[in-house]
N, C-alpha and C. Protein backbone atom coordinates (compact mmCIF):
# COMPACT_ATOMS: atom_id res chain seq x y z
N UNK A 1 21.45 -0.85 -5.71
CA UNK A 1 20.24 0.19 -5.45
C UNK A 1 20.56 1.72 -5.66
N UNK A 2 20.12 2.54 -6.09
CA UNK A 2 20.60 3.81 -6.35
C UNK A 2 20.47 4.90 -5.11
N UNK A 3 21.46 4.98 -4.30
CA UNK A 3 21.86 5.98 -3.12
C UNK A 3 21.01 7.31 -3.38
N UNK A 4 21.52 7.78 -4.16
CA UNK A 4 20.70 9.13 -4.57
C UNK A 4 19.17 9.60 -4.43
N UNK A 5 18.51 8.31 -4.15
CA UNK A 5 16.90 8.65 -4.24
C UNK A 5 16.68 7.78 -2.19
N UNK A 6 15.41 8.37 -1.97
CA UNK A 6 15.41 7.64 -0.56
C UNK A 6 14.22 6.38 -0.87
N UNK A 7 14.49 5.56 0.02
CA UNK A 7 13.37 4.40 0.29
C UNK A 7 12.47 4.22 1.24
N UNK A 8 11.14 3.73 1.26
CA UNK A 8 10.34 3.33 1.58
C UNK A 8 9.25 2.28 1.64
N UNK A 9 8.69 1.83 2.97
CA UNK A 9 7.80 0.74 2.38
C UNK A 9 6.74 0.89 3.50
N UNK A 10 5.80 1.13 2.17
CA UNK A 10 4.39 1.48 3.31
C UNK A 10 3.41 0.48 3.43
N UNK A 11 2.74 -0.06 4.32
CA UNK A 11 2.13 -1.31 4.96
C UNK A 11 0.95 -1.42 4.51
N UNK A 12 0.30 -2.43 4.57
CA UNK A 12 -1.38 -2.39 4.85
C UNK A 12 -2.42 -2.29 5.43
N UNK A 13 -3.45 -2.31 5.51
CA UNK A 13 -5.03 -2.16 5.93
C UNK A 13 -4.76 -3.37 7.31
N UNK A 14 -4.62 -2.80 8.29
CA UNK A 14 -4.63 -3.72 9.19
C UNK A 14 -3.27 -3.97 9.79
N UNK A 15 -2.22 -3.57 9.42
CA UNK A 15 -0.63 -4.00 9.29
C UNK A 15 0.06 -3.01 10.05
N UNK A 16 1.24 -2.56 9.96
CA UNK A 16 1.82 -1.74 11.22
C UNK A 16 3.42 -1.43 10.37
N UNK A 17 4.27 -0.69 10.78
CA UNK A 17 5.97 -0.90 10.73
C UNK A 17 6.54 -1.96 10.76
N UNK A 18 5.89 -2.70 11.42
CA UNK A 18 6.61 -4.13 12.05
C UNK A 18 6.12 -5.07 10.73
N UNK A 19 5.29 -4.77 9.82
CA UNK A 19 4.64 -6.26 8.93
C UNK A 19 6.24 -6.72 8.37
N UNK A 20 5.61 -8.07 8.04
CA UNK A 20 6.76 -8.76 8.02
C UNK A 20 7.54 -8.65 6.48
N UNK A 21 6.66 -8.47 5.37
CA UNK A 21 7.46 -8.55 4.14
C UNK A 21 8.33 -6.73 4.56
N UNK A 22 7.97 -5.78 5.26
CA UNK A 22 8.98 -4.53 5.33
C UNK A 22 9.98 -4.80 5.95
N UNK A 23 9.49 -5.14 7.17
CA UNK A 23 11.01 -5.59 7.71
C UNK A 23 12.79 -6.82 7.23
N UNK A 24 11.72 -7.19 6.79
CA UNK A 24 12.40 -8.22 5.97
C UNK A 24 12.90 -7.50 4.80
N UNK A 25 12.55 -6.68 4.22
CA UNK A 25 13.01 -6.17 2.74
C UNK A 25 14.06 -5.18 3.69
N UNK A 26 14.11 -4.35 4.76
CA UNK A 26 14.66 -3.50 5.35
C UNK A 26 15.83 -3.98 5.69
N UNK A 27 15.92 -5.52 6.05
CA UNK A 27 17.22 -5.97 6.54
C UNK A 27 17.66 -6.02 5.70
N UNK A 28 16.90 -6.58 4.27
CA UNK A 28 17.91 -7.18 3.16
C UNK A 28 18.78 -5.66 2.72
N UNK A 29 18.14 -4.64 2.52
CA UNK A 29 18.47 -3.53 1.97
C UNK A 29 19.51 -2.59 2.31
N UNK A 30 19.89 -2.72 3.83
CA UNK A 30 19.87 -2.82 4.37
C UNK A 30 21.50 -3.57 4.45
N UNK A 31 22.07 -4.46 4.33
CA UNK A 31 22.96 -5.20 3.67
C UNK A 31 23.87 -4.37 2.72
N UNK A 32 22.80 -3.77 2.19
CA UNK A 32 23.16 -3.44 0.44
C UNK A 32 23.99 -1.56 0.87
N UNK A 33 23.73 -1.37 2.26
CA UNK A 33 23.70 0.50 2.63
C UNK A 33 23.03 1.21 2.49
N UNK A 34 21.85 0.42 1.87
CA UNK A 34 20.41 1.56 1.55
C UNK A 34 19.31 1.29 2.75
N UNK A 35 19.11 2.45 3.32
CA UNK A 35 17.69 2.60 4.69
C UNK A 35 16.47 2.16 3.50
N UNK A 36 15.25 2.17 4.27
CA UNK A 36 14.40 1.67 3.96
C UNK A 36 13.59 2.03 5.35
N UNK A 37 12.81 2.96 4.87
CA UNK A 37 12.30 3.83 5.91
C UNK A 37 10.78 2.88 6.19
N UNK A 38 10.29 2.66 7.46
CA UNK A 38 9.12 1.87 7.36
C UNK A 38 8.02 2.56 8.45
N UNK A 39 7.39 3.77 7.77
CA UNK A 39 6.50 4.50 8.72
C UNK A 39 5.34 3.94 9.31
N UNK A 40 4.36 4.14 10.07
CA UNK A 40 3.71 3.87 10.42
C UNK A 40 2.58 4.73 10.01
N UNK A 41 1.40 3.77 9.80
CA UNK A 41 0.22 4.39 8.71
C UNK A 41 -0.70 4.25 9.06
N UNK A 42 -1.16 3.97 10.52
CA UNK A 42 -2.40 4.07 11.23
C UNK A 42 -2.53 5.28 12.00
N UNK A 43 -2.91 6.26 10.97
CA UNK A 43 -3.06 7.52 11.12
C UNK A 43 -4.43 7.91 10.99
N UNK A 44 -4.95 8.99 12.24
CA UNK A 44 -4.34 8.99 13.27
C UNK A 44 -4.66 7.75 14.47
N UNK A 45 -5.13 7.17 14.11
CA UNK A 45 -5.11 5.65 14.98
C UNK A 45 -6.20 4.46 14.03
N UNK A 46 -5.53 3.04 14.61
CA UNK A 46 -6.42 2.51 13.79
C UNK A 46 -7.66 2.57 13.86
N UNK A 47 -8.48 2.46 14.78
CA UNK A 47 -9.71 2.62 14.60
C UNK A 47 -10.59 3.84 14.11
N UNK A 48 -9.36 5.03 13.89
CA UNK A 48 -9.88 6.45 13.59
C UNK A 48 -9.07 6.53 12.09
N UNK A 49 -8.91 5.38 11.46
CA UNK A 49 -8.51 5.49 10.12
C UNK A 49 -8.73 6.81 8.46
N UNK A 50 -8.25 7.32 8.86
CA UNK A 50 -8.09 8.26 7.64
C UNK A 50 -7.25 8.21 6.84
N UNK A 51 -7.49 8.44 5.14
CA UNK A 51 -6.95 8.78 4.15
C UNK A 51 -6.01 9.66 4.29
N UNK A 52 -7.08 10.60 4.35
CA UNK A 52 -6.36 11.96 4.38
C UNK A 52 -5.06 12.12 5.36
N UNK A 53 -5.55 11.31 6.87
CA UNK A 53 -4.25 11.18 7.60
C UNK A 53 -2.81 10.98 7.09
N UNK A 54 -2.94 9.12 6.33
CA UNK A 54 -1.70 8.92 5.69
C UNK A 54 -1.20 9.47 5.13
N UNK A 55 -1.84 10.33 3.98
CA UNK A 55 -1.38 11.07 2.88
C UNK A 55 -0.62 12.40 3.94
N UNK A 56 -1.51 13.21 4.81
CA UNK A 56 -0.32 14.23 5.44
C UNK A 56 0.90 13.19 6.43
N UNK A 57 0.79 12.47 6.78
CA UNK A 57 2.12 11.53 7.67
C UNK A 57 3.20 11.57 6.35
N UNK A 58 3.05 11.21 4.67
CA UNK A 58 3.86 10.99 3.77
C UNK A 58 3.97 12.20 4.13
N UNK A 59 3.21 13.50 3.85
CA UNK A 59 3.89 14.45 3.57
C UNK A 59 5.19 15.26 4.65
N UNK A 60 4.96 14.95 5.78
CA UNK A 60 5.52 15.42 6.68
C UNK A 60 6.86 14.05 6.48
N UNK A 61 6.96 12.76 6.74
CA UNK A 61 8.14 11.97 5.89
C UNK A 61 8.61 13.15 5.33
N UNK A 62 8.12 13.33 4.29
CA UNK A 62 8.96 14.07 2.87
C UNK A 62 9.75 14.67 3.46
N UNK A 63 9.21 15.85 4.37
CA UNK A 63 10.01 16.81 4.94
C UNK A 63 11.81 16.54 5.90
N UNK A 64 11.53 14.72 6.25
CA UNK A 64 12.48 14.39 6.85
C UNK A 64 13.36 13.97 5.91
N UNK A 65 15.37 13.80 6.76
CA UNK A 65 16.21 13.75 5.63
C UNK A 65 17.05 14.47 5.20
N UNK A 66 17.18 14.06 4.08
CA UNK A 66 17.68 14.55 2.89
C UNK A 66 16.46 14.43 2.28
N UNK A 67 16.17 15.75 1.93
CA UNK A 67 14.65 16.61 1.15
C UNK A 67 14.87 16.56 -0.53
N UNK A 68 15.99 16.56 -0.57
CA UNK A 68 17.02 16.91 -2.29
C UNK A 68 16.35 15.79 -2.76
N UNK A 69 16.60 13.96 -2.27
CA UNK A 69 15.99 13.25 -2.81
C UNK A 69 14.79 12.36 -2.94
N UNK A 70 14.36 12.44 -4.14
CA UNK A 70 13.18 11.94 -4.76
C UNK A 70 12.86 10.32 -4.15
N UNK A 71 11.18 9.79 -3.89
CA UNK A 71 11.39 8.77 -2.94
C UNK A 71 11.20 7.81 -4.28
N UNK A 72 11.50 6.57 -3.60
CA UNK A 72 11.19 5.07 -4.64
C UNK A 72 10.67 4.32 -2.94
N UNK A 73 8.74 3.88 -3.89
CA UNK A 73 8.46 3.82 -2.55
C UNK A 73 7.50 2.30 -3.05
N UNK A 74 7.22 1.36 -1.98
CA UNK A 74 7.34 -0.04 -2.16
C UNK A 74 5.83 0.08 -1.39
N UNK A 75 4.62 0.25 -1.66
CA UNK A 75 3.32 -0.53 -1.26
C UNK A 75 2.58 -1.55 -1.12
N UNK A 76 2.25 -2.26 0.34
CA UNK A 76 1.29 -3.54 -0.06
C UNK A 76 0.40 -3.22 0.41
N UNK A 77 -1.18 -3.66 -0.69
CA UNK A 77 -2.33 -3.90 -0.02
C UNK A 77 -2.59 -2.00 -0.40
N UNK A 78 -3.09 -1.60 0.91
CA UNK A 78 -3.97 -0.50 1.62
C UNK A 78 -2.59 0.48 1.00
N UNK A 79 -0.98 0.08 1.06
CA UNK A 79 -0.45 0.50 1.22
C UNK A 79 0.27 1.35 -0.02
N UNK A 80 -0.30 0.00 -0.93
CA UNK A 80 -0.27 0.17 -2.93
C UNK A 80 -1.04 1.34 -2.87
N UNK A 81 -2.20 1.54 -2.86
CA UNK A 81 -3.18 2.78 -3.05
C UNK A 81 -2.65 3.82 -2.34
N UNK A 82 -2.00 3.67 -1.35
CA UNK A 82 -1.55 5.16 -0.57
C UNK A 82 0.05 5.20 -1.31
N UNK A 83 0.76 4.73 -1.56
CA UNK A 83 1.99 4.89 -2.54
C UNK A 83 1.64 5.58 -4.05
N UNK A 84 0.91 4.55 -4.92
CA UNK A 84 0.06 5.54 -5.78
C UNK A 84 -0.50 6.77 -5.68
N UNK A 85 -1.30 7.18 -4.74
CA UNK A 85 -2.50 8.02 -4.57
C UNK A 85 -0.51 9.21 -4.35
N UNK A 86 -0.51 8.76 -3.11
CA UNK A 86 0.80 10.14 -3.18
C UNK A 86 1.45 10.81 -3.71
N UNK A 87 1.72 9.84 -4.88
CA UNK A 87 2.69 9.95 -6.17
C UNK A 87 2.02 10.80 -7.24
N UNK A 88 0.68 10.24 -6.72
CA UNK A 88 -0.34 11.03 -8.00
C UNK A 88 -0.55 12.73 -7.76
N UNK A 89 -0.36 12.79 -6.42
CA UNK A 89 -0.74 14.17 -5.43
C UNK A 89 0.64 14.89 -5.79
N UNK A 90 2.08 14.09 -5.89
CA UNK A 90 3.33 14.85 -5.32
C UNK A 90 4.15 14.45 -6.47
N UNK A 91 4.00 14.28 -7.40
CA UNK A 91 4.60 13.94 -9.10
C UNK A 91 6.00 14.26 -8.88
N UNK A 92 6.68 15.62 -8.24
CA UNK A 92 7.77 15.47 -8.02
C UNK A 92 8.85 14.52 -7.21
N UNK A 93 7.92 14.18 -6.33
CA UNK A 93 8.27 13.65 -5.46
C UNK A 93 8.72 12.46 -5.15
N UNK A 94 8.49 11.65 -6.26
CA UNK A 94 8.56 10.24 -6.69
C UNK A 94 9.05 9.68 -7.89
N UNK A 95 9.92 9.02 -7.71
CA UNK A 95 10.75 8.43 -9.11
C UNK A 95 10.24 6.66 -9.44
N UNK A 96 9.72 6.11 -8.57
CA UNK A 96 9.28 4.81 -8.90
C UNK A 96 8.77 4.17 -8.37
N UNK A 97 7.69 3.50 -8.52
CA UNK A 97 6.81 3.21 -7.49
C UNK A 97 6.75 0.68 -7.65
N UNK A 98 6.49 0.59 -6.75
CA UNK A 98 6.35 -0.87 -6.49
C UNK A 98 5.09 -0.89 -5.50
N UNK A 99 3.81 -2.06 -6.18
CA UNK A 99 2.70 -2.07 -5.77
C UNK A 99 2.79 -3.26 -5.55
N UNK A 100 2.47 -3.84 -4.54
CA UNK A 100 2.12 -5.70 -3.95
C UNK A 100 0.43 -5.42 -3.38
N UNK A 101 0.32 -6.24 -4.82
CA UNK A 101 -1.53 -6.65 -4.48
C UNK A 101 -1.93 -5.36 -4.22
N UNK A 102 -2.07 -4.20 -4.65
CA UNK A 102 -2.23 -2.83 -4.77
C UNK A 102 -4.02 -2.96 -4.17
N UNK A 103 -3.78 -2.21 -3.50
CA UNK A 103 -5.73 -2.35 -2.41
C UNK A 103 -6.59 -1.00 -3.58
N UNK A 104 -6.73 -1.25 -4.84
CA UNK A 104 -7.36 -0.48 -5.51
C UNK A 104 -9.12 -0.94 -5.09
N UNK A 105 -9.99 -0.01 -5.38
CA UNK A 105 -11.03 -0.36 -5.62
C UNK A 105 -12.10 -0.65 -4.31
N UNK A 106 -11.32 -0.19 -3.13
CA UNK A 106 -11.82 -0.18 -1.93
C UNK A 106 -13.31 -0.33 -2.21
N UNK A 107 -13.82 0.71 -2.25
CA UNK A 107 -15.34 1.22 -2.05
C UNK A 107 -15.99 -0.02 -2.77
N UNK A 108 -15.58 -0.78 -3.73
CA UNK A 108 -16.15 -1.69 -4.39
C UNK A 108 -16.25 -2.99 -3.57
N UNK A 109 -15.01 -3.23 -3.22
CA UNK A 109 -14.81 -4.20 -2.94
C UNK A 109 -15.11 -4.75 -1.61
N UNK A 110 -15.50 -4.15 -0.64
CA UNK A 110 -15.57 -4.05 1.06
C UNK A 110 -17.02 -4.81 0.70
N UNK A 111 -18.52 -3.85 0.39
CA UNK A 111 -19.40 -4.47 0.51
C UNK A 111 -19.51 -5.85 0.37
N UNK A 112 -18.60 -6.43 -1.01
CA UNK A 112 -18.97 -7.46 -1.28
C UNK A 112 -18.08 -8.56 -0.27
N UNK A 113 -17.06 -8.01 0.43
CA UNK A 113 -16.12 -9.31 1.41
C UNK A 113 -17.45 -8.69 2.65
N UNK A 114 -17.91 -7.92 3.59
CA UNK A 114 -18.76 -8.12 4.16
C UNK A 114 -20.21 -8.61 4.31
N UNK A 115 -20.45 -8.28 2.85
CA UNK A 115 -21.90 -8.59 3.03
C UNK A 115 -22.84 -7.59 3.04
N UNK A 116 -24.08 -7.10 2.66
CA UNK A 116 -24.75 -6.08 2.76
C UNK A 116 -25.48 -6.18 4.41
N UNK A 117 -25.36 -7.20 5.00
CA UNK A 117 -26.05 -6.89 6.56
C UNK A 117 -25.00 -6.08 7.42
N UNK A 118 -23.76 -6.79 7.38
CA UNK A 118 -22.84 -6.14 8.04
C UNK A 118 -22.08 -4.77 7.36
N UNK A 119 -22.48 -4.08 6.06
CA UNK A 119 -22.01 -2.74 5.80
C UNK A 119 -23.36 -1.89 6.74
N UNK A 120 -24.70 -2.77 6.48
CA UNK A 120 -25.62 -2.18 7.16
C UNK A 120 -25.69 -1.75 8.70
N UNK A 121 -24.86 -2.30 9.04
CA UNK A 121 -24.47 -2.58 10.83
C UNK A 121 -23.46 -1.59 10.84
N UNK A 122 -22.71 -1.76 10.33
CA UNK A 122 -21.69 -0.84 10.34
C UNK A 122 -21.68 0.77 10.26
N UNK A 123 -22.84 1.19 9.55
CA UNK A 123 -23.42 2.69 8.84
C UNK A 123 -24.31 2.96 10.02
N UNK A 124 -24.86 2.03 10.55
CA UNK A 124 -26.36 2.24 11.72
C UNK A 124 -25.10 2.40 12.95
N UNK A 125 -24.02 1.64 12.89
CA UNK A 125 -23.93 1.67 14.81
C UNK A 125 -22.16 2.97 14.37
N UNK A 126 -22.17 3.20 13.68
CA UNK A 126 -20.98 3.40 13.52
C UNK A 126 -19.68 3.44 13.52
N UNK A 127 -19.40 1.98 13.94
CA UNK A 127 -18.00 1.19 14.14
C UNK A 127 -18.31 -0.04 14.14
N UNK A 128 -17.30 -0.60 13.54
CA UNK A 128 -16.94 -2.22 13.40
C UNK A 128 -16.18 -2.65 14.39
N UNK A 129 -15.74 -4.02 14.60
CA UNK A 129 -14.63 -4.32 15.59
C UNK A 129 -13.84 -5.02 13.91
N UNK A 130 -12.87 -4.92 13.66
CA UNK A 130 -11.64 -5.27 13.21
C UNK A 130 -10.57 -5.33 13.56
N UNK A 131 -9.92 -6.59 13.75
CA UNK A 131 -8.46 -6.87 14.35
C UNK A 131 -7.55 -5.80 13.65
N UNK A 132 -6.88 -5.10 14.70
CA UNK A 132 -5.62 -4.46 14.26
C UNK A 132 -4.36 -5.45 13.80
N UNK A 133 -3.50 -4.75 13.84
CA UNK A 133 -2.14 -5.62 13.29
C UNK A 133 -1.45 -6.82 14.14
N UNK A 134 -1.40 -6.63 15.72
CA UNK A 134 -1.69 -7.54 16.57
C UNK A 134 -3.15 -8.96 16.97
N UNK A 135 -3.82 -8.06 15.95
CA UNK A 135 -5.33 -9.43 16.28
C UNK A 135 -6.22 -8.87 17.20
N UNK A 136 -5.82 -7.75 17.42
CA UNK A 136 -6.79 -7.46 18.91
C UNK A 136 -8.08 -6.47 18.05
N UNK A 137 -9.11 -6.72 18.50
CA UNK A 137 -9.92 -6.26 17.81
C UNK A 137 -10.49 -4.81 18.24
N UNK A 138 -10.79 -4.12 17.37
CA UNK A 138 -10.42 -2.52 17.57
C UNK A 138 -12.18 -1.72 16.74
N UNK A 139 -12.31 -0.98 17.33
CA UNK A 139 -13.78 -0.31 16.74
C UNK A 139 -13.28 0.35 15.42
N UNK A 140 -13.64 0.50 14.29
CA UNK A 140 -13.09 1.27 13.01
C UNK A 140 -14.63 1.70 13.19
N UNK A 141 -13.89 3.07 12.57
CA UNK A 141 -15.26 4.20 12.15
C UNK A 141 -15.29 3.67 10.98
N UNK A 142 -17.23 4.27 10.67
CA UNK A 142 -17.57 4.16 9.59
C UNK A 142 -17.12 5.11 8.42
N UNK A 143 -16.25 6.15 9.40
CA UNK A 143 -16.26 7.03 7.83
C UNK A 143 -14.68 6.74 7.77
N UNK A 144 -13.79 5.89 7.79
CA UNK A 144 -12.94 5.17 7.01
C UNK A 144 -13.46 4.85 5.51
N UNK A 145 -14.69 3.69 5.82
CA UNK A 145 -15.25 2.88 4.36
C UNK A 145 -15.45 4.80 3.26
N UNK A 146 -16.50 5.97 3.74
CA UNK A 146 -17.11 6.82 3.31
C UNK A 146 -16.33 7.30 2.74
N UNK A 147 -14.47 7.95 3.63
CA UNK A 147 -13.58 8.37 2.66
C UNK A 147 -13.06 7.19 1.55
N UNK A 148 -13.46 6.19 1.75
CA UNK A 148 -12.61 5.72 0.80
C UNK A 148 -13.34 5.78 -0.17
N UNK A 149 -14.75 5.67 -0.46
CA UNK A 149 -15.72 5.84 -1.45
C UNK A 149 -15.84 7.29 -2.29
N UNK A 150 -15.10 8.39 -1.53
CA UNK A 150 -14.89 9.85 -1.70
C UNK A 150 -13.71 9.70 -2.14
N UNK A 151 -12.93 8.67 -2.57
CA UNK A 151 -11.61 8.96 -2.50
C UNK A 151 -11.47 8.18 -4.45
N UNK A 152 -10.22 8.74 -4.94
CA UNK A 152 -9.86 7.81 -6.19
C UNK A 152 -9.36 6.30 -5.80
N UNK A 153 -10.74 5.55 -6.74
CA UNK A 153 -10.09 4.38 -6.78
C UNK A 153 -9.16 3.67 -7.43
N UNK A 154 -8.63 3.94 -8.68
CA UNK A 154 -7.62 3.79 -8.77
C UNK A 154 -6.74 5.23 -9.13
N UNK A 155 -5.38 5.30 -8.20
CA UNK A 155 -4.86 6.84 -8.47
C UNK A 155 -4.35 6.51 -9.94
N UNK A 156 -3.58 8.08 -10.83
CA UNK A 156 -3.35 7.58 -11.88
C UNK A 156 -1.53 8.02 -11.15
N UNK A 157 -1.19 6.75 -12.16
CA UNK A 157 0.91 7.43 -11.63
C UNK A 157 1.36 7.72 -12.28
N UNK A 158 2.16 8.32 -11.68
CA UNK A 158 2.88 9.65 -12.85
C UNK A 158 4.47 9.05 -13.35
N UNK A 159 4.78 8.20 -12.86
CA UNK A 159 5.95 7.54 -13.18
C UNK A 159 5.91 5.93 -12.90
N UNK A 160 7.21 5.12 -13.46
CA UNK A 160 7.20 3.87 -14.01
C UNK A 160 6.77 3.49 -12.49
N UNK A 161 6.03 2.10 -12.53
CA UNK A 161 5.14 1.58 -11.65
C UNK A 161 5.86 0.05 -11.78
N UNK A 162 6.14 -0.99 -11.27
CA UNK A 162 5.65 -1.91 -10.93
C UNK A 162 4.88 -2.72 -9.86
N UNK A 163 3.89 -3.60 -10.55
CA UNK A 163 2.86 -4.12 -9.98
C UNK A 163 3.35 -5.82 -9.84
N UNK A 164 2.99 -6.23 -8.77
CA UNK A 164 3.59 -7.58 -8.15
C UNK A 164 2.35 -8.40 -8.00
N UNK A 165 1.08 -8.95 -8.26
CA UNK A 165 0.37 -9.66 -7.56
C UNK A 165 0.43 -11.18 -7.58
N UNK A 166 -0.68 -11.62 -6.62
CA UNK A 166 -0.26 -13.29 -6.11
C UNK A 166 -1.81 -13.52 -7.05
N UNK A 167 -1.75 -15.07 -7.91
CA UNK A 167 -2.51 -14.93 -8.62
C UNK A 167 -3.95 -15.73 -7.95
N UNK A 168 -3.46 -16.11 -6.43
CA UNK A 168 -4.37 -17.04 -5.41
C UNK A 168 -4.92 -15.67 -4.71
N UNK A 169 -4.63 -14.39 -4.98
CA UNK A 169 -5.08 -13.63 -4.31
C UNK A 169 -6.38 -13.60 -3.87
N UNK A 170 -7.52 -13.40 -2.66
CA UNK A 170 -8.31 -13.74 -2.29
C UNK A 170 -9.38 -12.37 -1.89
N UNK A 171 -8.58 -11.42 -1.57
CA UNK A 171 -8.08 -10.14 -0.89
C UNK A 171 -8.65 -9.06 -2.08
N UNK A 172 -7.65 -8.84 -2.94
CA UNK A 172 -8.04 -7.65 -4.24
C UNK A 172 -7.86 -8.68 -5.55
N UNK A 173 -8.76 -8.57 -6.71
CA UNK A 173 -8.46 -9.77 -7.27
C UNK A 173 -7.64 -8.95 -7.82
N UNK A 174 -6.92 -10.39 -9.05
CA UNK A 174 -5.67 -10.05 -9.67
C UNK A 174 -6.32 -9.36 -11.07
N UNK A 175 -7.49 -9.74 -11.50
CA UNK A 175 -8.08 -8.89 -11.90
C UNK A 175 -7.78 -7.18 -12.54
N UNK A 176 -8.09 -6.71 -11.27
CA UNK A 176 -7.66 -6.03 -11.14
C UNK A 176 -6.58 -4.88 -11.67
N UNK A 177 -5.38 -5.54 -11.32
CA UNK A 177 -3.93 -5.36 -11.68
C UNK A 177 -3.93 -5.51 -12.99
N UNK A 178 -4.45 -6.74 -13.67
CA UNK A 178 -4.40 -7.09 -14.72
C UNK A 178 -5.48 -5.39 -16.09
N UNK A 179 -6.13 -5.09 -15.32
CA UNK A 179 -6.99 -4.16 -16.08
C UNK A 179 -5.27 -2.60 -15.88
N UNK A 180 -5.31 -2.64 -14.59
CA UNK A 180 -4.78 -1.44 -14.38
C UNK A 180 -3.23 -1.41 -15.13
N UNK A 181 -2.67 -2.57 -14.92
CA UNK A 181 -1.31 -2.55 -16.06
C UNK A 181 -1.67 -2.54 -17.59
N UNK A 182 -3.40 -3.37 -17.78
CA UNK A 182 -3.48 -3.05 -19.26
C UNK A 182 -2.94 -1.54 -19.74
N UNK A 183 -4.42 -0.92 -19.01
CA UNK A 183 -4.83 0.37 -19.89
C UNK A 183 -3.64 1.62 -19.48
N UNK A 184 -2.53 1.31 -19.34
CA UNK A 184 -1.54 2.30 -18.48
C UNK A 184 0.07 1.65 -18.94
N UNK A 185 0.52 2.60 -19.60
CA UNK A 185 1.84 2.27 -20.50
C UNK A 185 3.38 1.94 -19.93
N UNK A 186 2.64 3.21 -18.57
CA UNK A 186 3.80 2.80 -17.64
C UNK A 186 3.75 1.83 -16.30
N UNK A 187 2.93 1.12 -16.63
CA UNK A 187 3.07 0.01 -15.14
C UNK A 187 3.25 -1.75 -16.14
N UNK A 188 4.21 -1.98 -14.88
CA UNK A 188 4.67 -3.56 -15.38
C UNK A 188 3.63 -4.25 -14.81
N UNK A 189 3.05 -5.59 -14.97
CA UNK A 189 3.03 -6.40 -13.83
C UNK A 189 3.27 -7.57 -14.30
N UNK A 190 3.56 -8.11 -12.84
CA UNK A 190 4.81 -9.57 -12.36
C UNK A 190 3.50 -10.01 -11.73
N UNK A 191 2.84 -11.53 -12.36
CA UNK A 191 2.02 -12.31 -11.84
C UNK A 191 3.08 -13.66 -10.45
N UNK A 192 2.72 -13.73 -9.49
CA UNK A 192 3.06 -14.14 -8.20
C UNK A 192 2.15 -15.53 -8.07
N UNK A 193 2.74 -16.73 -8.41
CA UNK A 193 2.33 -17.81 -7.66
C UNK A 193 2.04 -17.98 -6.14
N UNK A 194 1.24 -16.89 -5.32
CA UNK A 194 0.74 -16.82 -3.96
C UNK A 194 -0.32 -16.01 -3.88
N UNK A 195 -0.67 -15.66 -2.28
CA UNK A 195 -1.91 -15.73 -2.41
C UNK A 195 -1.83 -13.74 -2.04
N UNK A 196 -2.81 -13.32 -1.36
CA UNK A 196 -2.76 -11.51 -0.79
C UNK A 196 -1.63 -11.22 -0.36
N UNK A 197 -0.97 -12.06 1.07
CA UNK A 197 -0.02 -11.95 1.62
C UNK A 197 0.95 -11.87 1.10
N UNK A 198 1.55 -13.06 0.12
CA UNK A 198 2.96 -12.72 -0.34
C UNK A 198 3.73 -13.39 0.15
N UNK A 199 3.46 -13.92 1.50
CA UNK A 199 4.30 -14.02 2.31
C UNK A 199 5.80 -15.52 1.35
N UNK A 200 5.14 -15.97 0.66
CA UNK A 200 6.17 -17.38 0.11
C UNK A 200 7.37 -16.54 -0.27
N UNK A 201 7.03 -15.23 -0.99
CA UNK A 201 7.57 -14.56 -2.04
C UNK A 201 8.63 -13.35 -2.27
N UNK A 202 9.09 -13.42 -0.76
CA UNK A 202 10.34 -12.53 -0.61
C UNK A 202 11.13 -12.28 -1.07
N UNK A 203 11.71 -13.71 -1.42
CA UNK A 203 12.75 -13.74 -2.16
C UNK A 203 12.99 -13.21 -4.12
N UNK A 204 11.76 -13.19 -4.04
CA UNK A 204 11.12 -13.06 -5.50
C UNK A 204 10.76 -11.43 -5.75
N UNK A 205 10.13 -11.37 -4.17
CA UNK A 205 9.83 -9.69 -4.32
C UNK A 205 10.91 -9.14 -4.93
N UNK A 206 12.14 -9.70 -3.50
CA UNK A 206 13.46 -8.28 -3.81
C UNK A 206 14.11 -8.36 -4.67
N UNK A 207 13.88 -9.43 -5.37
CA UNK A 207 14.56 -9.51 -6.67
C UNK A 207 14.64 -8.87 -8.04
N UNK A 208 13.02 -8.63 -8.04
CA UNK A 208 12.19 -7.28 -8.87
C UNK A 208 12.07 -6.63 -8.35
N UNK A 209 12.43 -6.19 -7.49
CA UNK A 209 12.24 -5.20 -6.57
C UNK A 209 14.07 -4.12 -6.57
N UNK A 210 14.52 -5.21 -6.35
CA UNK A 210 16.17 -4.42 -7.07
C UNK A 210 16.51 -4.41 -8.26
N UNK A 211 16.15 -5.37 -9.82
CA UNK A 211 15.72 -4.72 -10.37
C UNK A 211 15.04 -3.98 -11.04
N UNK A 212 13.98 -3.93 -10.93
CA UNK A 212 13.40 -2.50 -11.46
C UNK A 212 14.00 -0.94 -10.79
N UNK A 213 14.68 -1.05 -9.36
CA UNK A 213 15.16 -0.20 -8.71
C UNK A 213 16.34 0.32 -9.04
N UNK A 214 17.19 -0.87 -10.10
CA UNK A 214 18.47 -0.62 -10.82
C UNK A 214 18.84 0.62 -11.60
């Protein structure tokens, strides 16, 4: 991979900088002399999670290290949405994107995932207990969902983008990525025989990422 770029892995919802895919790719990249940044995107905290705060954290990360180098980003699930959205907002700072089961259309998906009763209770109470990256239940504020509905559901990527999506994904429908890739000439989709976590596909992910970033 080209050392004239910086590389980062953006973890998903209820995950952390210690995410399995991120740390596995970091270790593999390191053997090639490439540093893979693993920012903690639970900003300002998991319970108070905010899209704006996550994007601001990427802005801050961009100001670190060799700022002359643009980024090549790998984003998983919500981190995939975040990578695409930040690239849309900062098109000169991102050269290429790899999105792993990107978490587009959260505002559409979550009411189907939790059901009307849970969503009504969440709105009424202002928070809902959700396991964080360690499995510990945390009160997640309803403002996160409201902010999701006010945000761009499917960011327009300004650069070449590779999507890797599991054919057995029950969290983010594969159909979303099929449509996204079909309607955008910069985007290529590779379907994997795996679920949303892509835990069994790390070797394939590494191969596809290296090929795409070559």
